Structure formats: C-alpha cells, structure tokens
Amino acid sequence: MFDDETAVAWRAMPYRAPVVAANGSEIGTAESLLGDEEEDIFHGIVVKRRPGGHALEIPAVRIKKITTNHVVTDLSEADVAALPPYREEHWFHIGWGGLFRKHPEWDETSRT
C-alpha cells in the first residue's frame, strides 16, 4: 500500500499526515510524534480522529511505514476501536508540534 510514495524516517513524518489502517481506510491525522530524540527511539504517534474527535496513541510497533504523504499501520477496524486514548506523561515539545516522551522513571539528571 502506498508503494509509490517515498518512505521517510520517523522524525520526518509530515505534520497532520493521514494515518491509515491495514485496509487503507483513514484512521485520523498524525498530530504528534512520541519518542526520545536523543536516543533515536520511536515510541509511536498521537492520532486525532475526525475534527473534534479524540486523540489516540498508536505504538511504534503497529506502524509499518511512514511516507511523505501517509502513515501506514497494520491496525484492523477492531484494533482502532481498542486503541488507548492519548495520555500526556512527560513530554518535550519539538519541531512542528511533535512531542517526545521520556519514561516517568527517567529524569534530566540521569543523562550522561
């Protein structure tokens, strides 16, 4: 799916790119990146369902490809319905509105 689109790294994901399920149906739009920029660890994305809809969190393991135009997941319709709501933990704002999460047990003094 979307084989003609150029794949990009997680940090280059387009802002508000359409996020699609395994069957190609649109889940919502990518609103934020979740990860640790310093460690180059991608945790997932925050997806906003249709205008006025809830924000959901999709873990990185469920994202199969990020392109210049889309984020492709392996989610079924049932999987989408079971996605957890987005919950802010310890986030750092970057770039176009992406957010990078540090695990709660990490603190700024633990960096080398």
PDB file of N, CA and C in Angstrom:
ATOM      1  N   MET A   1       0.835  -1.167   0.000  1.00  0.00           N
ATOM      2  CA  MET A   1       0.000   0.000   0.000  1.00  0.00           C
ATOM      3  C   MET A   1       0.890   1.244   0.000  1.00  0.00           C
ATOM      4  N   PHE A   2       0.564   2.195  -0.837  1.00  0.00           N
ATOM      5  CA  PHE A   2       1.312   3.440  -0.984  1.00  0.00           C
ATOM      6  C   PHE A   2       2.771   3.184  -1.368  1.00  0.00           C
ATOM      7  N   ASP A   3       2.982   2.141  -2.169  1.00  0.00           N
ATOM      8  CA  ASP A   3       4.331   1.766  -2.595  1.00  0.00           C
ATOM      9  C   ASP A   3       5.005   2.831  -3.449  1.00  0.00           C
ATOM     10  N   ASP A   4       4.216   3.686  -4.107  1.00  0.00           N
ATOM     11  CA  ASP A   4       4.789   4.719  -4.965  1.00  0.00           C
ATOM     12  C   ASP A   4       5.229   5.954  -4.169  1.00  0.00           C
ATOM     13  N   GLU A   5       4.972   5.982  -2.857  1.00  0.00           N
ATOM     14  CA  GLU A   5       5.364   7.111  -2.017  1.00  0.00           C
ATOM     15  C   GLU A   5       6.733   6.860  -1.391  1.00  0.00           C
ATOM     16  N   THR A   6       7.487   7.927  -1.195  1.00  0.00           N
ATOM     17  CA  THR A   6       8.824   7.837  -0.620  1.00  0.00           C
ATOM     18  C   THR A   6       8.741   7.638   0.890  1.00  0.00           C
ATOM     19  N   ALA A   7       9.399   6.593   1.376  1.00  0.00           N
ATOM     20  CA  ALA A   7       9.452   6.331   2.812  1.00  0.00           C
ATOM     21  C   ALA A   7      10.391   7.343   3.470  1.00  0.00           C
ATOM     22  N   VAL A   8      10.038   7.765   4.697  1.00  0.00           N
ATOM     23  CA  VAL A   8      10.863   8.709   5.446  1.00  0.00           C
ATOM     24  C   VAL A   8      11.066   8.187   6.858  1.00  0.00           C
ATOM     25  N   ALA A   9      12.066   8.726   7.539  1.00  0.00           N
ATOM     26  CA  ALA A   9      12.326   8.376   8.931  1.00  0.00           C
ATOM     27  C   ALA A   9      11.245   8.952   9.828  1.00  0.00           C
ATOM     28  N   TRP A  10      11.114   8.405  11.015  1.00  0.00           N
ATOM     29  CA  TRP A  10      10.058   8.845  11.927  1.00  0.00           C
ATOM     30  C   TRP A  10      10.134  10.325  12.239  1.00  0.00           C
ATOM     31  N   ARG A  11      11.339  10.876  12.333  1.00  0.00           N
ATOM     32  CA  ARG A  11      11.484  12.303  12.635  1.00  0.00           C
ATOM     33  C   ARG A  11      11.025  13.199  11.488  1.00  0.00           C
ATOM     34  N   ALA A  12      10.904  12.640  10.300  1.00  0.00           N
ATOM     35  CA  ALA A  12      10.492  13.416   9.123  1.00  0.00           C
ATOM     36  C   ALA A  12       9.021  13.211   8.778  1.00  0.00           C
ATOM     37  N   MET A  13       8.266  12.583   9.667  1.00  0.00           N
ATOM     38  CA  MET A  13       6.847  12.355   9.405  1.00  0.00           C
ATOM     39  C   MET A  13       6.147  13.691   9.169  1.00  0.00           C
ATOM     40  N   PRO A  14       5.383  13.804   8.092  1.00  0.00           N
ATOM     41  CA  PRO A  14       4.682  15.065   7.819  1.00  0.00           C
ATOM     42  C   PRO A  14       3.623  15.372   8.877  1.00  0.00           C
ATOM     43  N   TYR A  15       3.556  16.623   9.264  1.00  0.00           N
ATOM     44  CA  TYR A  15       2.562  17.083  10.223  1.00  0.00           C
ATOM     45  C   TYR A  15       1.168  16.896   9.655  1.00  0.00           C
ATOM     46  N   ARG A  16       0.310  16.323  10.449  1.00  0.00           N
ATOM     47  CA  ARG A  16      -1.088  16.049  10.092  1.00  0.00           C
ATOM     48  C   ARG A  16      -1.235  15.152   8.868  1.00  0.00           C
ATOM     49  N   ALA A  17      -0.282  14.270   8.683  1.00  0.00           N
ATOM     50  CA  ALA A  17      -0.391  13.281   7.611  1.00  0.00           C
ATOM     51  C   ALA A  17      -1.558  12.348   7.918  1.00  0.00           C
ATOM     52  N   PRO A  18      -2.280  11.917   6.886  1.00  0.00           N
ATOM     53  CA  PRO A  18      -3.335  10.930   7.115  1.00  0.00           C
ATOM     54  C   PRO A  18      -2.731   9.616   7.634  1.00  0.00           C
ATOM     55  N   VAL A  19      -3.367   9.047   8.640  1.00  0.00           N
ATOM     56  CA  VAL A  19      -2.948   7.761   9.198  1.00  0.00           C
ATOM     57  C   VAL A  19      -3.975   6.746   8.738  1.00  0.00           C
ATOM     58  N   VAL A  20      -3.498   5.633   8.160  1.00  0.00           N
ATOM     59  CA  VAL A  20      -4.416   4.658   7.584  1.00  0.00           C
ATOM     60  C   VAL A  20      -4.289   3.292   8.253  1.00  0.00           C
ATOM     61  N   ALA A  21      -5.414   2.579   8.279  1.00  0.00           N
ATOM     62  CA  ALA A  21      -5.469   1.211   8.797  1.00  0.00           C
ATOM     63  C   ALA A  21      -4.906   0.251   7.746  1.00  0.00           C
ATOM     64  N   ALA A  22      -4.816  -1.015   8.097  1.00  0.00           N
ATOM     65  CA  ALA A  22      -4.277  -2.030   7.198  1.00  0.00           C
ATOM     66  C   ALA A  22      -5.049  -2.121   5.889  1.00  0.00           C
ATOM     67  N   ASN A  23      -6.347  -1.842   5.927  1.00  0.00           N
ATOM     68  CA  ASN A  23      -7.165  -1.931   4.712  1.00  0.00           C
ATOM     69  C   ASN A  23      -7.171  -0.632   3.899  1.00  0.00           C
ATOM     70  N   GLY A  24      -6.405   0.384   4.349  1.00  0.00           N
ATOM     71  CA  GLY A  24      -6.322   1.647   3.623  1.00  0.00           C
ATOM     72  C   GLY A  24      -7.313   2.697   4.072  1.00  0.00           C
ATOM     73  N   SER A  25      -8.235   2.351   4.980  1.00  0.00           N
ATOM     74  CA  SER A  25      -9.201   3.343   5.461  1.00  0.00           C
ATOM     75  C   SER A  25      -8.498   4.320   6.401  1.00  0.00           C
ATOM     76  N   GLU A  26      -8.938   5.568   6.372  1.00  0.00           N
ATOM     77  CA  GLU A  26      -8.293   6.591   7.185  1.00  0.00           C
ATOM     78  C   GLU A  26      -8.728   6.500   8.636  1.00  0.00           C
ATOM     79  N   ILE A  27      -7.741   6.480   9.532  1.00  0.00           N
ATOM     80  CA  ILE A  27      -7.979   6.443  10.973  1.00  0.00           C
ATOM     81  C   ILE A  27      -8.118   7.873  11.501  1.00  0.00           C
ATOM     82  N   GLY A  28      -7.272   8.760  11.026  1.00  0.00           N
ATOM     83  CA  GLY A  28      -7.245  10.140  11.501  1.00  0.00           C
ATOM     84  C   GLY A  28      -5.996  10.820  10.971  1.00  0.00           C
ATOM     85  N   THR A  29      -5.543  11.866  11.673  1.00  0.00           N
ATOM     86  CA  THR A  29      -4.349  12.594  11.249  1.00  0.00           C
ATOM     87  C   THR A  29      -3.289  12.539  12.342  1.00  0.00           C
ATOM     88  N   ALA A  30      -2.032  12.480  11.907  1.00  0.00           N
ATOM     89  CA  ALA A  30      -0.903  12.451  12.830  1.00  0.00           C
ATOM     90  C   ALA A  30      -0.734  13.833  13.444  1.00  0.00           C
ATOM     91  N   GLU A  31      -0.836  13.902  14.754  1.00  0.00           N
ATOM     92  CA  GLU A  31      -0.737  15.189  15.455  1.00  0.00           C
ATOM     93  C   GLU A  31       0.590  15.359  16.172  1.00  0.00           C
ATOM     94  N   SER A  32       1.178  14.271  16.655  1.00  0.00           N
ATOM     95  CA  SER A  32       2.426  14.371  17.411  1.00  0.00           C
ATOM     96  C   SER A  32       3.246  13.102  17.270  1.00  0.00           C
ATOM     97  N   LEU A  33       4.550  13.282  17.324  1.00  0.00           N
ATOM     98  CA  LEU A  33       5.491  12.169  17.389  1.00  0.00           C
ATOM     99  C   LEU A  33       5.741  11.844  18.853  1.00  0.00           C
ATOM    100  N   LEU A  34       5.930  10.569  19.153  1.00  0.00           N
ATOM    101  CA  LEU A  34       6.253  10.146  20.502  1.00  0.00           C
ATOM    102  C   LEU A  34       7.576   9.402  20.448  1.00  0.00           C
ATOM    103  N   GLY A  35       8.554   9.889  21.142  1.00  0.00           N
ATOM    104  CA  GLY A  35       9.845   9.237  21.119  1.00  0.00           C
ATOM    105  C   GLY A  35      10.873   9.976  21.934  1.00  0.00           C
ATOM    106  N   ASP A  36      12.086   9.494  21.855  1.00  0.00           N
ATOM    107  CA  ASP A  36      13.225  10.104  22.533  1.00  0.00           C
ATOM    108  C   ASP A  36      14.220  10.492  21.454  1.00  0.00           C
ATOM    109  N   GLU A  37      14.293  11.778  21.171  1.00  0.00           N
ATOM    110  CA  GLU A  37      15.144  12.255  20.085  1.00  0.00           C
ATOM    111  C   GLU A  37      16.619  11.977  20.350  1.00  0.00           C
ATOM    112  N   GLU A  38      17.069  12.191  21.582  1.00  0.00           N
ATOM    113  CA  GLU A  38      18.481  11.983  21.898  1.00  0.00           C
ATOM    114  C   GLU A  38      18.902  10.533  21.696  1.00  0.00           C
ATOM    115  N   GLU A  39      18.043   9.606  22.040  1.00  0.00           N
ATOM    116  CA  GLU A  39      18.353   8.183  21.923  1.00  0.00           C
ATOM    117  C   GLU A  39      17.893   7.603  20.584  1.00  0.00           C
ATOM    118  N   ASP A  40      17.203   8.416  19.777  1.00  0.00           N
ATOM    119  CA  ASP A  40      16.641   7.990  18.492  1.00  0.00           C
ATOM    120  C   ASP A  40      15.736   6.770  18.662  1.00  0.00           C
ATOM    121  N   ILE A  41      14.843   6.878  19.631  1.00  0.00           N
ATOM    122  CA  ILE A  41      13.891   5.805  19.910  1.00  0.00           C
ATOM    123  C   ILE A  41      12.497   6.309  19.581  1.00  0.00           C
ATOM    124  N   PHE A  42      11.836   5.641  18.659  1.00  0.00           N
ATOM    125  CA  PHE A  42      10.490   5.995  18.230  1.00  0.00           C
ATOM    126  C   PHE A  42       9.491   5.177  19.023  1.00  0.00           C
ATOM    127  N   HIS A  43       8.615   5.849  19.774  1.00  0.00           N
ATOM    128  CA  HIS A  43       7.616   5.164  20.593  1.00  0.00           C
ATOM    129  C   HIS A  43       6.270   5.036  19.897  1.00  0.00           C
ATOM    130  N   GLY A  44       5.957   5.966  18.974  1.00  0.00           N
ATOM    131  CA  GLY A  44       4.669   5.932  18.295  1.00  0.00           C
ATOM    132  C   GLY A  44       4.204   7.324  17.919  1.00  0.00           C
ATOM    133  N   ILE A  45       2.898   7.457  17.712  1.00  0.00           N
ATOM    134  CA  ILE A  45       2.327   8.746  17.323  1.00  0.00           C
ATOM    135  C   ILE A  45       1.002   8.978  18.045  1.00  0.00           C
ATOM    136  N   VAL A  46       0.619  10.235  18.089  1.00  0.00           N
ATOM    137  CA  VAL A  46      -0.713  10.611  18.557  1.00  0.00           C
ATOM    138  C   VAL A  46      -1.530  10.911  17.314  1.00  0.00           C
ATOM    139  N   VAL A  47      -2.697  10.288  17.227  1.00  0.00           N
ATOM    140  CA  VAL A  47      -3.588  10.451  16.076  1.00  0.00           C
ATOM    141  C   VAL A  47      -4.868  11.113  16.543  1.00  0.00           C
ATOM    142  N   LYS A  48      -5.283  12.119  15.809  1.00  0.00           N
ATOM    143  CA  LYS A  48      -6.559  12.758  16.109  1.00  0.00           C
ATOM    144  C   LYS A  48      -7.596  12.211  15.147  1.00  0.00           C
ATOM    145  N   ARG A  49      -8.639  11.673  15.716  1.00  0.00           N
ATOM    146  CA  ARG A  49      -9.768  11.204  14.906  1.00  0.00           C
ATOM    147  C   ARG A  49     -10.455  12.417  14.304  1.00  0.00           C
ATOM    148  N   ARG A  50     -11.308  12.253  13.354  1.00  0.00           N
ATOM    149  CA  ARG A  50     -12.006  13.336  12.644  1.00  0.00           C
ATOM    150  C   ARG A  50     -12.104  14.619  13.473  1.00  0.00           C
ATOM    151  N   PRO A  51     -12.376  15.748  12.860  1.00  0.00           N
ATOM    152  CA  PRO A  51     -12.449  17.006  13.611  1.00  0.00           C
ATOM    153  C   PRO A  51     -13.325  16.877  14.848  1.00  0.00           C
ATOM    154  N   GLY A  52     -12.769  17.314  15.956  1.00  0.00           N
ATOM    155  CA  GLY A  52     -13.491  17.215  17.214  1.00  0.00           C
ATOM    156  C   GLY A  52     -13.388  15.857  17.878  1.00  0.00           C
ATOM    157  N   GLY A  53     -12.704  14.904  17.203  1.00  0.00           N
ATOM    158  CA  GLY A  53     -12.583  13.559  17.749  1.00  0.00           C
ATOM    159  C   GLY A  53     -11.512  13.464  18.814  1.00  0.00           C
ATOM    160  N   HIS A  54     -11.431  12.313  19.415  1.00  0.00           N
ATOM    161  CA  HIS A  54     -10.476  12.065  20.485  1.00  0.00           C
ATOM    162  C   HIS A  54      -9.085  11.795  19.922  1.00  0.00           C
ATOM    163  N   ALA A  55      -8.081  12.109  20.714  1.00  0.00           N
ATOM    164  CA  ALA A  55      -6.702  11.787  20.363  1.00  0.00           C
ATOM    165  C   ALA A  55      -6.399  10.383  20.867  1.00  0.00           C
ATOM    166  N   LEU A  56      -5.789   9.580  20.010  1.00  0.00           N
ATOM    167  CA  LEU A  56      -5.435   8.199  20.332  1.00  0.00           C
ATOM    168  C   LEU A  56      -3.936   8.010  20.173  1.00  0.00           C
ATOM    169  N   GLU A  57      -3.398   7.056  20.879  1.00  0.00           N
ATOM    170  CA  GLU A  57      -1.973   6.763  20.796  1.00  0.00           C
ATOM    171  C   GLU A  57      -1.771   5.453  20.042  1.00  0.00           C
ATOM    172  N   ILE A  58      -0.929   5.494  19.008  1.00  0.00           N
ATOM    173  CA  ILE A  58      -0.584   4.284  18.254  1.00  0.00           C
ATOM    174  C   ILE A  58       0.875   3.965  18.541  1.00  0.00           C
ATOM    175  N   PRO A  59       1.159   2.787  19.113  1.00  0.00           N
ATOM    176  CA  PRO A  59       2.545   2.428  19.399  1.00  0.00           C
ATOM    177  C   PRO A  59       3.340   2.176  18.110  1.00  0.00           C
ATOM    178  N   ALA A  60       4.634   2.420  18.178  1.00  0.00           N
ATOM    179  CA  ALA A  60       5.518   2.283  17.013  1.00  0.00           C
ATOM    180  C   ALA A  60       5.433   0.897  16.379  1.00  0.00           C
ATOM    181  N   VAL A  61       5.266  -0.129  17.172  1.00  0.00           N
ATOM    182  CA  VAL A  61       5.230  -1.493  16.648  1.00  0.00           C
ATOM    183  C   VAL A  61       4.069  -1.703  15.670  1.00  0.00           C
ATOM    184  N   ARG A  62       3.030  -0.882  15.753  1.00  0.00           N
ATOM    185  CA  ARG A  62       1.863  -1.011  14.870  1.00  0.00           C
ATOM    186  C   ARG A  62       1.993  -0.159  13.599  1.00  0.00           C
ATOM    187  N   ILE A  63       3.039   0.650  13.500  1.00  0.00           N
ATOM    188  CA  ILE A  63       3.262   1.492  12.336  1.00  0.00           C
ATOM    189  C   ILE A  63       4.219   0.778  11.390  1.00  0.00           C
ATOM    190  N   LYS A  64       3.735   0.511  10.191  1.00  0.00           N
ATOM    191  CA  LYS A  64       4.514  -0.268   9.231  1.00  0.00           C
ATOM    192  C   LYS A  64       5.321   0.583   8.272  1.00  0.00           C
ATOM    193  N   LYS A  65       4.853   1.798   7.991  1.00  0.00           N
ATOM    194  CA  LYS A  65       5.586   2.655   7.059  1.00  0.00           C
ATOM    195  C   LYS A  65       5.149   4.096   7.252  1.00  0.00           C
ATOM    196  N   ILE A  66       6.143   4.989   7.184  1.00  0.00           N
ATOM    197  CA  ILE A  66       5.876   6.420   7.172  1.00  0.00           C
ATOM    198  C   ILE A  66       6.389   6.930   5.837  1.00  0.00           C
ATOM    199  N   THR A  67       5.522   7.622   5.103  1.00  0.00           N
ATOM    200  CA  THR A  67       5.909   8.151   3.800  1.00  0.00           C
ATOM    201  C   THR A  67       5.793   9.674   3.812  1.00  0.00           C
ATOM    202  N   THR A  68       6.103  10.272   2.697  1.00  0.00           N
ATOM    203  CA  THR A  68       5.978  11.726   2.583  1.00  0.00           C
ATOM    204  C   THR A  68       4.526  12.179   2.654  1.00  0.00           C
ATOM    205  N   ASN A  69       3.566  11.251   2.504  1.00  0.00           N
ATOM    206  CA  ASN A  69       2.145  11.619   2.488  1.00  0.00           C
ATOM    207  C   ASN A  69       1.255  10.886   3.480  1.00  0.00           C
ATOM    208  N   HIS A  70       1.690   9.746   4.009  1.00  0.00           N
ATOM    209  CA  HIS A  70       0.831   8.914   4.860  1.00  0.00           C
ATOM    210  C   HIS A  70       1.629   8.243   5.975  1.00  0.00           C
ATOM    211  N   VAL A  71       0.884   7.783   6.969  1.00  0.00           N
ATOM    212  CA  VAL A  71       1.412   6.865   7.971  1.00  0.00           C
ATOM    213  C   VAL A  71       0.577   5.603   7.838  1.00  0.00           C
ATOM    214  N   VAL A  72       1.226   4.494   7.539  1.00  0.00           N
ATOM    215  CA  VAL A  72       0.544   3.228   7.287  1.00  0.00           C
ATOM    216  C   VAL A  72       0.708   2.326   8.511  1.00  0.00           C
ATOM    217  N   THR A  73      -0.418   1.811   9.004  1.00  0.00           N
ATOM    218  CA  THR A  73      -0.392   0.923  10.166  1.00  0.00           C
ATOM    219  C   THR A  73      -0.840  -0.484   9.764  1.00  0.00           C
ATOM    220  N   ASP A  74      -0.725  -1.408  10.703  1.00  0.00           N
ATOM    221  CA  ASP A  74      -1.243  -2.764  10.482  1.00  0.00           C
ATOM    222  C   ASP A  74      -2.538  -2.979  11.254  1.00  0.00           C
ATOM    223  N   LEU A  75      -3.182  -1.890  11.663  1.00  0.00           N
ATOM    224  CA  LEU A  75      -4.374  -1.969  12.501  1.00  0.00           C
ATOM    225  C   LEU A  75      -5.626  -2.356  11.718  1.00  0.00           C
ATOM    226  N   SER A  76      -6.429  -3.213  12.311  1.00  0.00           N
ATOM    227  CA  SER A  76      -7.765  -3.525  11.779  1.00  0.00           C
ATOM    228  C   SER A  76      -8.752  -2.521  12.379  1.00  0.00           C
ATOM    229  N   GLU A  77      -9.980  -2.543  11.911  1.00  0.00           N
ATOM    230  CA  GLU A  77     -11.002  -1.654  12.476  1.00  0.00           C
ATOM    231  C   GLU A  77     -11.203  -1.946  13.973  1.00  0.00           C
ATOM    232  N   ALA A  78     -11.172  -3.229  14.347  1.00  0.00           N
ATOM    233  CA  ALA A  78     -11.320  -3.596  15.764  1.00  0.00           C
ATOM    234  C   ALA A  78     -10.139  -3.080  16.583  1.00  0.00           C
ATOM    235  N   ASP A  79      -8.934  -3.161  16.020  1.00  0.00           N
ATOM    236  CA  ASP A  79      -7.752  -2.645  16.707  1.00  0.00           C
ATOM    237  C   ASP A  79      -7.871  -1.142  16.946  1.00  0.00           C
ATOM    238  N   VAL A  80      -8.354  -0.421  15.944  1.00  0.00           N
ATOM    239  CA  VAL A  80      -8.515   1.032  16.064  1.00  0.00           C
ATOM    240  C   VAL A  80      -9.489   1.356  17.196  1.00  0.00           C
ATOM    241  N   ALA A  81     -10.577   0.617  17.271  1.00  0.00           N
ATOM    242  CA  ALA A  81     -11.574   0.848  18.322  1.00  0.00           C
ATOM    243  C   ALA A  81     -11.001   0.595  19.714  1.00  0.00           C
ATOM    244  N   ALA A  82      -9.983  -0.268  19.804  1.00  0.00           N
ATOM    245  CA  ALA A  82      -9.402  -0.617  21.090  1.00  0.00           C
ATOM    246  C   ALA A  82      -8.169   0.222  21.454  1.00  0.00           C
ATOM    247  N   LEU A  83      -7.783   1.170  20.592  1.00  0.00           N
ATOM    248  CA  LEU A  83      -6.607   1.988  20.882  1.00  0.00           C
ATOM    249  C   LEU A  83      -6.797   2.795  22.162  1.00  0.00           C
ATOM    250  N   PRO A  84      -5.715   2.925  22.942  1.00  0.00           N
ATOM    251  CA  PRO A  84      -5.845   3.720  24.175  1.00  0.00           C
ATOM    252  C   PRO A  84      -5.909   5.205  23.846  1.00  0.00           C
ATOM    253  N   PRO A  85      -6.616   5.958  24.666  1.00  0.00           N
ATOM    254  CA  PRO A  85      -6.622   7.408  24.465  1.00  0.00           C
ATOM    255  C   PRO A  85      -5.234   7.962  24.755  1.00  0.00           C
ATOM    256  N   TYR A  86      -4.914   9.058  24.125  1.00  0.00           N
ATOM    257  CA  TYR A  86      -3.643   9.727  24.368  1.00  0.00           C
ATOM    258  C   TYR A  86      -3.630  10.252  25.795  1.00  0.00           C
ATOM    259  N   ARG A  87      -2.546   9.966  26.503  1.00  0.00           N
ATOM    260  CA  ARG A  87      -2.352  10.476  27.863  1.00  0.00           C
ATOM    261  C   ARG A  87      -0.986  11.115  27.938  1.00  0.00           C
ATOM    262  N   GLU A  88      -0.954  12.360  28.292  1.00  0.00           N
ATOM    263  CA  GLU A  88       0.323  13.058  28.410  1.00  0.00           C
ATOM    264  C   GLU A  88       1.036  12.575  29.658  1.00  0.00           C
ATOM    265  N   GLU A  89       2.309  12.196  29.486  1.00  0.00           N
ATOM    266  CA  GLU A  89       3.131  11.797  30.629  1.00  0.00           C
ATOM    267  C   GLU A  89       4.194  12.869  30.821  1.00  0.00           C
ATOM    268  N   HIS A  90       5.362  12.615  30.348  1.00  0.00           N
ATOM    269  CA  HIS A  90       6.468  13.569  30.474  1.00  0.00           C
ATOM    270  C   HIS A  90       6.928  13.871  29.055  1.00  0.00           C
ATOM    271  N   TRP A  91       6.433  14.958  28.492  1.00  0.00           N
ATOM    272  CA  TRP A  91       6.637  15.248  27.082  1.00  0.00           C
ATOM    273  C   TRP A  91       7.527  16.455  26.890  1.00  0.00           C
ATOM    274  N   PHE A  92       8.256  16.469  25.767  1.00  0.00           N
ATOM    275  CA  PHE A  92       9.087  17.591  25.380  1.00  0.00           C
ATOM    276  C   PHE A  92       8.644  18.053  24.003  1.00  0.00           C
ATOM    277  N   HIS A  93       8.296  19.320  23.844  1.00  0.00           N
ATOM    278  CA  HIS A  93       7.830  19.850  22.562  1.00  0.00           C
ATOM    279  C   HIS A  93       9.003  20.038  21.616  1.00  0.00           C
ATOM    280  N   ILE A  94       8.807  19.646  20.344  1.00  0.00           N
ATOM    281  CA  ILE A  94       9.837  19.839  19.326  1.00  0.00           C
ATOM    282  C   ILE A  94       9.173  20.176  18.005  1.00  0.00           C
ATOM    283  N   GLY A  95       9.934  20.774  17.114  1.00  0.00           N
ATOM    284  CA  GLY A  95       9.544  20.987  15.725  1.00  0.00           C
ATOM    285  C   GLY A  95       8.115  21.406  15.494  1.00  0.00           C
ATOM    286  N   TRP A  96       7.457  20.710  14.578  1.00  0.00           N
ATOM    287  CA  TRP A  96       6.130  21.086  14.120  1.00  0.00           C
ATOM    288  C   TRP A  96       5.028  20.765  15.108  1.00  0.00           C
ATOM    289  N   GLY A  97       5.375  20.432  16.288  1.00  0.00           N
ATOM    290  CA  GLY A  97       4.356  20.116  17.282  1.00  0.00           C
ATOM    291  C   GLY A  97       4.524  18.718  17.815  1.00  0.00           C
ATOM    292  N   GLY A  98       5.601  18.057  17.391  1.00  0.00           N
ATOM    293  CA  GLY A  98       5.862  16.724  17.898  1.00  0.00           C
ATOM    294  C   GLY A  98       6.178  16.768  19.376  1.00  0.00           C
ATOM    295  N   LEU A  99       5.954  15.682  20.028  1.00  0.00           N
ATOM    296  CA  LEU A  99       6.225  15.589  21.447  1.00  0.00           C
ATOM    297  C   LEU A  99       7.098  14.379  21.681  1.00  0.00           C
ATOM    298  N   PHE A 100       8.121  14.551  22.472  1.00  0.00           N
ATOM    299  CA  PHE A 100       8.993  13.445  22.799  1.00  0.00           C
ATOM    300  C   PHE A 100       8.793  13.081  24.255  1.00  0.00           C
ATOM    301  N   ARG A 101       8.533  11.812  24.494  1.00  0.00           N
ATOM    302  CA  ARG A 101       8.231  11.335  25.838  1.00  0.00           C
ATOM    303  C   ARG A 101       9.472  10.705  26.451  1.00  0.00           C
ATOM    304  N   LYS A 102       9.697  11.048  27.686  1.00  0.00           N
ATOM    305  CA  LYS A 102      10.680  10.346  28.495  1.00  0.00           C
ATOM    306  C   LYS A 102       9.882   9.449  29.431  1.00  0.00           C
ATOM    307  N   HIS A 103      10.402   8.290  29.711  1.00  0.00           N
ATOM    308  CA  HIS A 103       9.725   7.416  30.654  1.00  0.00           C
ATOM    309  C   HIS A 103       9.683   8.091  32.020  1.00  0.00           C
ATOM    310  N   PRO A 104       8.605   7.937  32.760  1.00  0.00           N
ATOM    311  CA  PRO A 104       8.470   8.639  34.043  1.00  0.00           C
ATOM    312  C   PRO A 104       9.627   8.370  35.000  1.00  0.00           C
ATOM    313  N   GLU A 105      10.233   7.199  34.930  1.00  0.00           N
ATOM    314  CA  GLU A 105      11.323   6.890  35.852  1.00  0.00           C
ATOM    315  C   GLU A 105      12.634   7.567  35.451  1.00  0.00           C
ATOM    316  N   TRP A 106      12.689   8.154  34.260  1.00  0.00           N
ATOM    317  CA  TRP A 106      13.879   8.879  33.821  1.00  0.00           C
ATOM    318  C   TRP A 106      13.770  10.314  34.309  1.00  0.00           C
ATOM    319  N   ASP A 107      14.883  10.894  34.593  1.00  0.00           N
ATOM    320  CA  ASP A 107      14.865  12.325  34.896  1.00  0.00           C
ATOM    321  C   ASP A 107      16.036  12.984  34.178  1.00  0.00           C
ATOM    322  N   GLU A 108      16.031  14.292  34.167  1.00  0.00           N
ATOM    323  CA  GLU A 108      17.050  15.018  33.416  1.00  0.00           C
ATOM    324  C   GLU A 108      18.452  14.752  33.972  1.00  0.00           C
ATOM    325  N   THR A 109      18.582  14.421  35.248  1.00  0.00           N
ATOM    326  CA  THR A 109      19.894  14.192  35.838  1.00  0.00           C
ATOM    327  C   THR A 109      20.467  12.831  35.471  1.00  0.00           C
ATOM    328  N   SER A 110      19.667  11.933  34.902  1.00  0.00           N
ATOM    329  CA  SER A 110      20.170  10.600  34.553  1.00  0.00           C
ATOM    330  C   SER A 110      20.880  10.577  33.211  1.00  0.00           C
ATOM    331  N   ARG A 111      20.858  11.695  32.488  1.00  0.00           N
ATOM    332  CA  ARG A 111      21.563  11.760  31.206  1.00  0.00           C
ATOM    333  C   ARG A 111      23.060  11.871  31.428  1.00  0.00           C
ATOM    334  N   THR A 112      23.816  11.309  30.489  1.00  0.00           N
ATOM    335  CA  THR A 112      25.271  11.414  30.581  1.00  0.00           C
ATOM    336  C   THR A 112      25.782  12.505  29.688  1.00  0.00           C
TER     337      THR A 112
END
